[in-house]
């Protein structure tokens, strides 16, 4: 089942550059997540709109889970690695 693509979601090219620095995909340490790219797009949606986490559209996942994972990535320095990529 294909996921819905939004106009401002990260491009395939950008995803290829950053995906090696992410965690949570099948086969990586730290467990599996349903869709890491969807999660990143959700975080970017929050940053772009300035909306509160509770207003995150369901297409990006449950806002509590996305926020929790955002905080875990922040604490592990994952966002810095992505920005450097």
PDB file of N, CA and C in Angstrom:
ATOM      1  N   UNK A   1       0.840  -1.180   0.000  1.00  0.00           N
ATOM      2  CA  UNK A   1       0.000   0.000   0.000  1.00  0.00           C
ATOM      3  C   UNK A   1       0.883   1.242   0.000  1.00  0.00           C
ATOM      4  N   UNK A   2       0.747   2.091  -0.967  1.00  0.00           N
ATOM      5  CA  UNK A   2       1.563   3.302  -1.078  1.00  0.00           C
ATOM      6  C   UNK A   2       1.081   4.347  -0.079  1.00  0.00           C
ATOM      7  N   UNK A   3       2.020   5.073   0.473  1.00  0.00           N
ATOM      8  CA  UNK A   3       1.647   6.130   1.407  1.00  0.00           C
ATOM      9  C   UNK A   3       1.295   7.381   0.632  1.00  0.00           C
ATOM     10  N   UNK A   4       0.505   8.208   1.260  1.00  0.00           N
ATOM     11  CA  UNK A   4       0.102   9.463   0.627  1.00  0.00           C
ATOM     12  C   UNK A   4       1.291  10.411   0.584  1.00  0.00           C
ATOM     13  N   UNK A   5       1.522  11.029  -0.561  1.00  0.00           N
ATOM     14  CA  UNK A   5       2.615  11.984  -0.731  1.00  0.00           C
ATOM     15  C   UNK A   5       2.054  13.396  -0.627  1.00  0.00           C
ATOM     16  N   UNK A   6       2.658  14.210   0.203  1.00  0.00           N
ATOM     17  CA  UNK A   6       2.247  15.605   0.359  1.00  0.00           C
ATOM     18  C   UNK A   6       3.237  16.507  -0.369  1.00  0.00           C
ATOM     19  N   UNK A   7       2.777  17.645  -0.761  1.00  0.00           N
ATOM     20  CA  UNK A   7       3.575  18.569  -1.554  1.00  0.00           C
ATOM     21  C   UNK A   7       4.907  18.918  -0.905  1.00  0.00           C
ATOM     22  N   UNK A   8       4.944  19.048   0.404  1.00  0.00           N
ATOM     23  CA  UNK A   8       6.159  19.489   1.095  1.00  0.00           C
ATOM     24  C   UNK A   8       6.944  18.348   1.724  1.00  0.00           C
ATOM     25  N   UNK A   9       6.585  17.107   1.445  1.00  0.00           N
ATOM     26  CA  UNK A   9       7.355  15.982   1.970  1.00  0.00           C
ATOM     27  C   UNK A   9       8.755  15.983   1.352  1.00  0.00           C
ATOM     28  N   UNK A  10       9.704  15.394   2.064  1.00  0.00           N
ATOM     29  CA  UNK A  10      11.069  15.391   1.549  1.00  0.00           C
ATOM     30  C   UNK A  10      11.140  14.576   0.259  1.00  0.00           C
ATOM     31  N   UNK A  11      11.991  15.016  -0.618  1.00  0.00           N
ATOM     32  CA  UNK A  11      12.123  14.377  -1.925  1.00  0.00           C
ATOM     33  C   UNK A  11      12.878  13.052  -1.798  1.00  0.00           C
ATOM     34  N   UNK A  12      12.783  12.233  -2.831  1.00  0.00           N
ATOM     35  CA  UNK A  12      13.534  10.982  -2.859  1.00  0.00           C
ATOM     36  C   UNK A  12      15.031  11.252  -2.769  1.00  0.00           C
ATOM     37  N   UNK A  13      15.479  12.298  -3.425  1.00  0.00           N
ATOM     38  CA  UNK A  13      16.909  12.651  -3.403  1.00  0.00           C
ATOM     39  C   UNK A  13      17.372  13.011  -1.984  1.00  0.00           C
ATOM     40  N   UNK A  14      16.586  13.842  -1.295  1.00  0.00           N
ATOM     41  CA  UNK A  14      16.934  14.220   0.081  1.00  0.00           C
ATOM     42  C   UNK A  14      16.888  13.010   0.998  1.00  0.00           C
ATOM     43  N   UNK A  15      15.896  12.154   0.814  1.00  0.00           N
ATOM     44  CA  UNK A  15      15.767  10.961   1.636  1.00  0.00           C
ATOM     45  C   UNK A  15      16.989  10.064   1.481  1.00  0.00           C
ATOM     46  N   UNK A  16      17.463   9.887   0.258  1.00  0.00           N
ATOM     47  CA  UNK A  16      18.640   9.055   0.014  1.00  0.00           C
ATOM     48  C   UNK A  16      19.867   9.597   0.740  1.00  0.00           C
ATOM     49  N   UNK A  17      19.971  10.919   0.849  1.00  0.00           N
ATOM     50  CA  UNK A  17      21.113  11.532   1.533  1.00  0.00           C
ATOM     51  C   UNK A  17      21.074  11.330   3.045  1.00  0.00           C
ATOM     52  N   UNK A  18      19.885  11.336   3.627  1.00  0.00           N
ATOM     53  CA  UNK A  18      19.801  11.313   5.098  1.00  0.00           C
ATOM     54  C   UNK A  18      19.476   9.961   5.695  1.00  0.00           C
ATOM     55  N   UNK A  19      18.934   9.027   4.911  1.00  0.00           N
ATOM     56  CA  UNK A  19      18.411   7.807   5.526  1.00  0.00           C
ATOM     57  C   UNK A  19      19.462   6.973   6.250  1.00  0.00           C
ATOM     58  N   UNK A  20      20.719   7.056   5.835  1.00  0.00           N
ATOM     59  CA  UNK A  20      21.781   6.308   6.519  1.00  0.00           C
ATOM     60  C   UNK A  20      22.016   6.828   7.933  1.00  0.00           C
ATOM     61  N   UNK A  21      21.608   8.055   8.212  1.00  0.00           N
ATOM     62  CA  UNK A  21      21.813   8.660   9.531  1.00  0.00           C
ATOM     63  C   UNK A  21      20.608   8.508  10.446  1.00  0.00           C
ATOM     64  N   UNK A  22      19.571   7.843   9.975  1.00  0.00           N
ATOM     65  CA  UNK A  22      18.373   7.671  10.781  1.00  0.00           C
ATOM     66  C   UNK A  22      18.424   6.347  11.517  1.00  0.00           C
ATOM     67  N   UNK A  23      17.527   6.181  12.462  1.00  0.00           N
ATOM     68  CA  UNK A  23      17.382   4.916  13.171  1.00  0.00           C
ATOM     69  C   UNK A  23      15.916   4.517  13.113  1.00  0.00           C
ATOM     70  N   UNK A  24      15.657   3.238  13.254  1.00  0.00           N
ATOM     71  CA  UNK A  24      14.288   2.772  13.321  1.00  0.00           C
ATOM     72  C   UNK A  24      13.813   2.015  12.111  1.00  0.00           C
ATOM     73  N   UNK A  25      14.600   1.957  11.057  1.00  0.00           N
ATOM     74  CA  UNK A  25      14.197   1.178   9.888  1.00  0.00           C
ATOM     75  C   UNK A  25      14.512  -0.288  10.124  1.00  0.00           C
ATOM     76  N   UNK A  26      13.856  -1.144   9.390  1.00  0.00           N
ATOM     77  CA  UNK A  26      14.075  -2.577   9.510  1.00  0.00           C
ATOM     78  C   UNK A  26      15.551  -2.890   9.314  1.00  0.00           C
ATOM     79  N   UNK A  27      16.093  -3.671  10.233  1.00  0.00           N
ATOM     80  CA  UNK A  27      17.488  -4.068  10.146  1.00  0.00           C
ATOM     81  C   UNK A  27      18.460  -3.137  10.848  1.00  0.00           C
ATOM     82  N   UNK A  28      17.981  -2.033  11.429  1.00  0.00           N
ATOM     83  CA  UNK A  28      18.870  -1.128  12.138  1.00  0.00           C
ATOM     84  C   UNK A  28      18.701  -1.315  13.635  1.00  0.00           C
ATOM     85  N   UNK A  29      19.723  -0.955  14.363  1.00  0.00           N
ATOM     86  CA  UNK A  29      19.697  -1.065  15.816  1.00  0.00           C
ATOM     87  C   UNK A  29      18.691  -0.068  16.378  1.00  0.00           C
ATOM     88  N   UNK A  30      17.973  -0.464  17.402  1.00  0.00           N
ATOM     89  CA  UNK A  30      17.042   0.444  18.056  1.00  0.00           C
ATOM     90  C   UNK A  30      15.590   0.125  17.750  1.00  0.00           C
ATOM     91  N   UNK A  31      15.346  -0.956  17.030  1.00  0.00           N
ATOM     92  CA  UNK A  31      13.972  -1.359  16.775  1.00  0.00           C
ATOM     93  C   UNK A  31      13.461  -0.873  15.435  1.00  0.00           C
ATOM     94  N   UNK A  32      12.298  -1.347  15.098  1.00  0.00           N
ATOM     95  CA  UNK A  32      11.684  -1.005  13.826  1.00  0.00           C
ATOM     96  C   UNK A  32      10.557  -0.013  14.031  1.00  0.00           C
ATOM     97  N   UNK A  33      10.475   0.917  13.140  1.00  0.00           N
ATOM     98  CA  UNK A  33       9.361   1.857  13.124  1.00  0.00           C
ATOM     99  C   UNK A  33       8.570   1.616  11.854  1.00  0.00           C
ATOM    100  N   UNK A  34       7.331   2.018  11.875  1.00  0.00           N
ATOM    101  CA  UNK A  34       6.470   1.776  10.720  1.00  0.00           C
ATOM    102  C   UNK A  34       7.035   2.449   9.472  1.00  0.00           C
ATOM    103  N   UNK A  35       7.429   3.688   9.577  1.00  0.00           N
ATOM    104  CA  UNK A  35       7.946   4.404   8.416  1.00  0.00           C
ATOM    105  C   UNK A  35       8.742   5.624   8.880  1.00  0.00           C
ATOM    106  N   UNK A  36      10.052   5.520   8.822  1.00  0.00           N
ATOM    107  CA  UNK A  36      10.901   6.605   9.293  1.00  0.00           C
ATOM    108  C   UNK A  36      10.732   7.856   8.441  1.00  0.00           C
ATOM    109  N   UNK A  37      10.593   7.684   7.152  1.00  0.00           N
ATOM    110  CA  UNK A  37      10.418   8.846   6.278  1.00  0.00           C
ATOM    111  C   UNK A  37       9.112   9.577   6.601  1.00  0.00           C
ATOM    112  N   UNK A  38       8.067   8.843   6.873  1.00  0.00           N
ATOM    113  CA  UNK A  38       6.787   9.448   7.264  1.00  0.00           C
ATOM    114  C   UNK A  38       6.952  10.233   8.562  1.00  0.00           C
ATOM    115  N   UNK A  39       7.678   9.670   9.507  1.00  0.00           N
ATOM    116  CA  UNK A  39       7.952  10.343  10.774  1.00  0.00           C
ATOM    117  C   UNK A  39       8.692  11.664  10.548  1.00  0.00           C
ATOM    118  N   UNK A  40       9.733  11.634   9.723  1.00  0.00           N
ATOM    119  CA  UNK A  40      10.497  12.852   9.447  1.00  0.00           C
ATOM    120  C   UNK A  40       9.619  13.893   8.774  1.00  0.00           C
ATOM    121  N   UNK A  41       8.794  13.461   7.837  1.00  0.00           N
ATOM    122  CA  UNK A  41       7.873  14.400   7.185  1.00  0.00           C
ATOM    123  C   UNK A  41       6.916  15.016   8.202  1.00  0.00           C
ATOM    124  N   UNK A  42       6.481  14.247   9.180  1.00  0.00           N
ATOM    125  CA  UNK A  42       5.611  14.775  10.229  1.00  0.00           C
ATOM    126  C   UNK A  42       6.308  15.823  11.073  1.00  0.00           C
ATOM    127  N   UNK A  43       7.554  15.557  11.436  1.00  0.00           N
ATOM    128  CA  UNK A  43       8.326  16.535  12.206  1.00  0.00           C
ATOM    129  C   UNK A  43       8.516  17.801  11.389  1.00  0.00           C
ATOM    130  N   UNK A  44       8.847  17.648  10.116  1.00  0.00           N
ATOM    131  CA  UNK A  44       9.015  18.823   9.256  1.00  0.00           C
ATOM    132  C   UNK A  44       7.707  19.590   9.113  1.00  0.00           C
ATOM    133  N   UNK A  45       6.571  18.891   9.113  1.00  0.00           N
ATOM    134  CA  UNK A  45       5.274  19.559   9.038  1.00  0.00           C
ATOM    135  C   UNK A  45       5.086  20.463  10.263  1.00  0.00           C
ATOM    136  N   UNK A  46       5.424  19.925  11.429  1.00  0.00           N
ATOM    137  CA  UNK A  46       5.321  20.706  12.671  1.00  0.00           C
ATOM    138  C   UNK A  46       6.228  21.928  12.595  1.00  0.00           C
ATOM    139  N   UNK A  47       7.475  21.736  12.180  1.00  0.00           N
ATOM    140  CA  UNK A  47       8.424  22.847  12.101  1.00  0.00           C
ATOM    141  C   UNK A  47       7.983  23.896  11.081  1.00  0.00           C
ATOM    142  N   UNK A  48       7.469  23.441   9.952  1.00  0.00           N
ATOM    143  CA  UNK A  48       7.057  24.347   8.884  1.00  0.00           C
ATOM    144  C   UNK A  48       5.824  25.172   9.272  1.00  0.00           C
ATOM    145  N   UNK A  49       4.860  24.535   9.931  1.00  0.00           N
ATOM    146  CA  UNK A  49       3.601  25.216  10.246  1.00  0.00           C
ATOM    147  C   UNK A  49       3.630  25.941  11.581  1.00  0.00           C
ATOM    148  N   UNK A  50       4.468  25.484  12.501  1.00  0.00           N
ATOM    149  CA  UNK A  50       4.470  26.069  13.840  1.00  0.00           C
ATOM    150  C   UNK A  50       3.291  25.604  14.681  1.00  0.00           C
ATOM    151  N   UNK A  51       2.572  24.606  14.190  1.00  0.00           N
ATOM    152  CA  UNK A  51       1.395  24.096  14.893  1.00  0.00           C
ATOM    153  C   UNK A  51       1.816  23.295  16.127  1.00  0.00           C
ATOM    154  N   UNK A  52       0.941  23.178  17.111  1.00  0.00           N
ATOM    155  CA  UNK A  52       1.228  22.308  18.257  1.00  0.00           C
ATOM    156  C   UNK A  52       1.203  20.847  17.813  1.00  0.00           C
ATOM    157  N   UNK A  53       1.913  20.005  18.556  1.00  0.00           N
ATOM    158  CA  UNK A  53       1.996  18.581  18.214  1.00  0.00           C
ATOM    159  C   UNK A  53       0.617  17.952  18.078  1.00  0.00           C
ATOM    160  N   UNK A  54      -0.319  18.349  18.907  1.00  0.00           N
ATOM    161  CA  UNK A  54      -1.669  17.760  18.865  1.00  0.00           C
ATOM    162  C   UNK A  54      -2.378  17.983  17.536  1.00  0.00           C
ATOM    163  N   UNK A  55      -1.935  18.970  16.753  1.00  0.00           N
ATOM    164  CA  UNK A  55      -2.559  19.265  15.464  1.00  0.00           C
ATOM    165  C   UNK A  55      -1.907  18.524  14.292  1.00  0.00           C
ATOM    166  N   UNK A  56      -0.950  17.669  14.573  1.00  0.00           N
ATOM    167  CA  UNK A  56      -0.294  16.901  13.511  1.00  0.00           C
ATOM    168  C   UNK A  56      -1.325  16.037  12.794  1.00  0.00           C
ATOM    169  N   UNK A  57      -1.418  16.136  11.459  1.00  0.00           N
ATOM    170  CA  UNK A  57      -2.379  15.304  10.728  1.00  0.00           C
ATOM    171  C   UNK A  57      -2.110  13.812  10.937  1.00  0.00           C
ATOM    172  N   UNK A  58      -3.151  13.042  11.035  1.00  0.00           N
ATOM    173  CA  UNK A  58      -3.041  11.592  11.279  1.00  0.00           C
ATOM    174  C   UNK A  58      -2.236  10.864  10.208  1.00  0.00           C
ATOM    175  N   UNK A  59      -2.132  11.444   9.013  1.00  0.00           N
ATOM    176  CA  UNK A  59      -1.364  10.780   7.954  1.00  0.00           C
ATOM    177  C   UNK A  59       0.100  10.624   8.322  1.00  0.00           C
ATOM    178  N   UNK A  60       0.571  11.418   9.288  1.00  0.00           N
ATOM    179  CA  UNK A  60       1.957  11.325   9.747  1.00  0.00           C
ATOM    180  C   UNK A  60       2.101  10.417  10.965  1.00  0.00           C
ATOM    181  N   UNK A  61       1.016   9.916  11.474  1.00  0.00           N
ATOM    182  CA  UNK A  61       1.052   9.053  12.644  1.00  0.00           C
ATOM    183  C   UNK A  61       0.439   9.733  13.856  1.00  0.00           C
ATOM    184  N   UNK A  62       0.344   8.997  14.924  1.00  0.00           N
ATOM    185  CA  UNK A  62      -0.188   9.522  16.178  1.00  0.00           C
ATOM    186  C   UNK A  62       0.750  10.592  16.717  1.00  0.00           C
ATOM    187  N   UNK A  63       0.211  11.759  17.036  1.00  0.00           N
ATOM    188  CA  UNK A  63       1.054  12.879  17.442  1.00  0.00           C
ATOM    189  C   UNK A  63       1.900  12.562  18.667  1.00  0.00           C
ATOM    190  N   UNK A  64       1.368  11.792  19.616  1.00  0.00           N
ATOM    191  CA  UNK A  64       2.140  11.457  20.829  1.00  0.00           C
ATOM    192  C   UNK A  64       3.355  10.615  20.487  1.00  0.00           C
ATOM    193  N   UNK A  65       3.166   9.650  19.600  1.00  0.00           N
ATOM    194  CA  UNK A  65       4.278   8.786  19.203  1.00  0.00           C
ATOM    195  C   UNK A  65       5.324   9.554  18.404  1.00  0.00           C
ATOM    196  N   UNK A  66       4.862  10.429  17.517  1.00  0.00           N
ATOM    197  CA  UNK A  66       5.796  11.229  16.723  1.00  0.00           C
ATOM    198  C   UNK A  66       6.584  12.154  17.643  1.00  0.00           C
ATOM    199  N   UNK A  67       5.911  12.787  18.585  1.00  0.00           N
ATOM    200  CA  UNK A  67       6.608  13.685  19.526  1.00  0.00           C
ATOM    201  C   UNK A  67       7.602  12.914  20.384  1.00  0.00           C
ATOM    202  N   UNK A  68       7.200  11.773  20.877  1.00  0.00           N
ATOM    203  CA  UNK A  68       8.083  10.954  21.716  1.00  0.00           C
ATOM    204  C   UNK A  68       9.340  10.553  20.944  1.00  0.00           C
ATOM    205  N   UNK A  69       9.140  10.128  19.699  1.00  0.00           N
ATOM    206  CA  UNK A  69      10.274   9.722  18.881  1.00  0.00           C
ATOM    207  C   UNK A  69      11.155  10.923  18.541  1.00  0.00           C
ATOM    208  N   UNK A  70      10.551  12.076  18.281  1.00  0.00           N
ATOM    209  CA  UNK A  70      11.313  13.302  18.040  1.00  0.00           C
ATOM    210  C   UNK A  70      12.242  13.584  19.226  1.00  0.00           C
ATOM    211  N   UNK A  71      11.716  13.477  20.428  1.00  0.00           N
ATOM    212  CA  UNK A  71      12.512  13.736  21.633  1.00  0.00           C
ATOM    213  C   UNK A  71      13.631  12.712  21.801  1.00  0.00           C
ATOM    214  N   UNK A  72      13.345  11.450  21.497  1.00  0.00           N
ATOM    215  CA  UNK A  72      14.395  10.423  21.578  1.00  0.00           C
ATOM    216  C   UNK A  72      15.514  10.722  20.588  1.00  0.00           C
ATOM    217  N   UNK A  73      15.157  11.101  19.379  1.00  0.00           N
ATOM    218  CA  UNK A  73      16.167  11.438  18.372  1.00  0.00           C
ATOM    219  C   UNK A  73      16.964  12.664  18.802  1.00  0.00           C
ATOM    220  N   UNK A  74      16.300  13.645  19.387  1.00  0.00           N
ATOM    221  CA  UNK A  74      16.989  14.835  19.882  1.00  0.00           C
ATOM    222  C   UNK A  74      18.028  14.437  20.927  1.00  0.00           C
ATOM    223  N   UNK A  75      17.611  13.596  21.863  1.00  0.00           N
ATOM    224  CA  UNK A  75      18.500  13.191  22.947  1.00  0.00           C
ATOM    225  C   UNK A  75      19.681  12.347  22.461  1.00  0.00           C
ATOM    226  N   UNK A  76      19.506  11.622  21.365  1.00  0.00           N
ATOM    227  CA  UNK A  76      20.569  10.768  20.810  1.00  0.00           C
ATOM    228  C   UNK A  76      21.434  11.488  19.782  1.00  0.00           C
ATOM    229  N   UNK A  77      21.092  12.729  19.451  1.00  0.00           N
ATOM    230  CA  UNK A  77      21.875  13.497  18.491  1.00  0.00           C
ATOM    231  C   UNK A  77      21.619  13.131  17.035  1.00  0.00           C
ATOM    232  N   UNK A  78      20.510  12.449  16.768  1.00  0.00           N
ATOM    233  CA  UNK A  78      20.191  12.029  15.403  1.00  0.00           C
ATOM    234  C   UNK A  78      19.927  13.238  14.513  1.00  0.00           C
ATOM    235  N   UNK A  79      19.224  14.236  15.016  1.00  0.00           N
ATOM    236  CA  UNK A  79      18.907  15.412  14.198  1.00  0.00           C
ATOM    237  C   UNK A  79      20.170  16.130  13.750  1.00  0.00           C
ATOM    238  N   UNK A  80      21.170  16.209  14.599  1.00  0.00           N
ATOM    239  CA  UNK A  80      22.438  16.842  14.211  1.00  0.00           C
ATOM    240  C   UNK A  80      23.092  16.068  13.076  1.00  0.00           C
ATOM    241  N   UNK A  81      23.072  14.727  13.156  1.00  0.00           N
ATOM    242  CA  UNK A  81      23.648  13.913  12.093  1.00  0.00           C
ATOM    243  C   UNK A  81      22.913  14.123  10.764  1.00  0.00           C
ATOM    244  N   UNK A  82      21.595  14.240  10.838  1.00  0.00           N
ATOM    245  CA  UNK A  82      20.810  14.472   9.629  1.00  0.00           C
ATOM    246  C   UNK A  82      21.151  15.830   9.026  1.00  0.00           C
ATOM    247  N   UNK A  83      21.253  16.844   9.865  1.00  0.00           N
ATOM    248  CA  UNK A  83      21.575  18.177   9.350  1.00  0.00           C
ATOM    249  C   UNK A  83      22.959  18.230   8.732  1.00  0.00           C
ATOM    250  N   UNK A  84      23.900  17.481   9.289  1.00  0.00           N
ATOM    251  CA  UNK A  84      25.235  17.433   8.715  1.00  0.00           C
ATOM    252  C   UNK A  84      25.253  16.732   7.364  1.00  0.00           C
ATOM    253  N   UNK A  85      24.342  15.773   7.179  1.00  0.00           N
ATOM    254  CA  UNK A  85      24.277  15.045   5.896  1.00  0.00           C
ATOM    255  C   UNK A  85      23.729  15.956   4.830  1.00  0.00           C
TER     256      UNK A  85
END
